[in-house]
């Protein structure tokens, strides 16, 4: 399918034909990754999804008390390295 580049402010763009919009169920505001291929072409693909953590926030916070910590609740710290030298 051939499309023509047009100027939009300081950028260039093209109009996605209505047939492609219908076929791919595209909607305004959708985001895509634009890649330049080795042969000078372009590839438009859905954005890569972020990898989800194996742990939920609830699991990560398990054991942390709900109430604020008091100084007395923190165990004595014994320096293990040079953290106090600065």
Protein backbone atom coordinates (compact mmCIF):
# COMPACT_ATOMS: atom_id res chain seq x y z
CA UNK A 1 0.00 0.00 0.00
CA UNK A 2 1.49 3.32 -0.99
CA UNK A 3 1.13 6.39 1.26
CA UNK A 4 2.45 9.93 0.90
CA UNK A 5 4.37 11.80 3.59
CA UNK A 6 2.96 15.19 4.60
CA UNK A 7 4.33 17.92 6.84
CA UNK A 8 2.78 18.28 10.32
CA UNK A 9 4.54 21.19 12.00
CA UNK A 10 8.24 20.30 12.05
CA UNK A 11 7.50 16.59 11.60
CA UNK A 12 6.48 14.33 8.76
CA UNK A 13 3.63 11.85 8.86
CA UNK A 14 1.14 9.97 6.75
CA UNK A 15 -2.55 9.19 6.91
CA UNK A 16 -3.49 5.61 7.75
CA UNK A 17 -6.11 4.51 5.22
CA UNK A 18 -9.60 3.80 6.58
CA UNK A 19 -9.44 0.18 5.39
CA UNK A 20 -6.37 -0.44 7.57
CA UNK A 21 -8.00 1.34 10.52
CA UNK A 22 -11.04 -0.95 10.26
CA UNK A 23 -9.06 -4.13 9.62
CA UNK A 24 -6.65 -3.59 12.52
CA UNK A 25 -9.19 -1.91 14.88
CA UNK A 26 -6.94 1.12 15.31
CA UNK A 27 -8.03 4.00 17.51
CA UNK A 28 -6.72 7.54 17.94
CA UNK A 29 -4.14 7.84 20.70
CA UNK A 30 -2.77 4.31 20.37
CA UNK A 31 1.01 4.15 20.70
CA UNK A 32 3.40 2.14 18.55
CA UNK A 33 7.13 1.47 18.36
CA UNK A 34 8.69 2.87 15.16
CA UNK A 35 11.88 1.11 14.06
CA UNK A 36 14.11 1.83 11.08
CA UNK A 37 15.08 -1.43 9.39
CA UNK A 38 18.52 -2.23 7.97
CA UNK A 39 17.30 -1.63 4.41
CA UNK A 40 16.05 1.88 5.25
CA UNK A 41 12.41 0.88 5.68
CA UNK A 42 10.19 1.37 8.70
CA UNK A 43 8.48 -1.11 10.98
CA UNK A 44 5.53 -0.08 13.13
CA UNK A 45 4.68 -2.49 15.95
CA UNK A 46 2.72 -2.46 19.22
CA UNK A 47 4.80 -1.25 22.16
CA UNK A 48 6.72 -3.85 24.11
CA UNK A 49 5.06 -4.55 27.39
CA UNK A 50 7.01 -4.17 30.57
CA UNK A 51 7.93 -7.38 32.27
CA UNK A 52 5.88 -7.87 35.39
CA UNK A 53 7.62 -8.64 38.64
CA UNK A 54 7.18 -12.13 39.99
CA UNK A 55 6.22 -10.58 43.31
CA UNK A 56 3.19 -8.47 44.13
CA UNK A 57 3.46 -5.35 46.29
CA UNK A 58 1.69 -7.24 49.05
CA UNK A 59 4.32 -10.00 48.97
CA UNK A 60 7.19 -7.49 48.97
CA UNK A 61 5.76 -5.63 51.96
CA UNK A 62 4.94 -8.75 53.97
CA UNK A 63 6.44 -8.41 57.44
CA UNK A 64 6.67 -4.61 57.37
CA UNK A 65 4.57 -3.27 60.24
CA UNK A 66 1.62 -1.01 59.44
CA UNK A 67 2.51 1.53 62.16
CA UNK A 68 5.57 3.80 61.81
CA UNK A 69 8.82 2.37 63.12
CA UNK A 70 10.24 3.83 66.31
CA UNK A 71 13.94 4.19 66.94
CA UNK A 72 13.75 1.49 69.60
CA UNK A 73 12.33 -0.97 67.03
CA UNK A 74 15.42 -0.83 64.82
CA UNK A 75 18.06 -3.40 65.79
CA UNK A 76 21.56 -2.21 66.55
CA UNK A 77 23.61 -1.74 63.41
CA UNK A 78 27.07 -3.23 63.33
CA UNK A 79 29.15 -1.74 60.49
CA UNK A 80 30.20 -4.41 58.03
CA UNK A 81 32.38 -2.32 55.76
CA UNK A 82 33.57 1.26 55.37
CA UNK A 83 30.10 2.88 55.49
CA UNK A 84 31.07 5.09 58.44
CA UNK A 85 34.39 6.32 56.94
CA UNK A 86 32.92 9.22 54.99
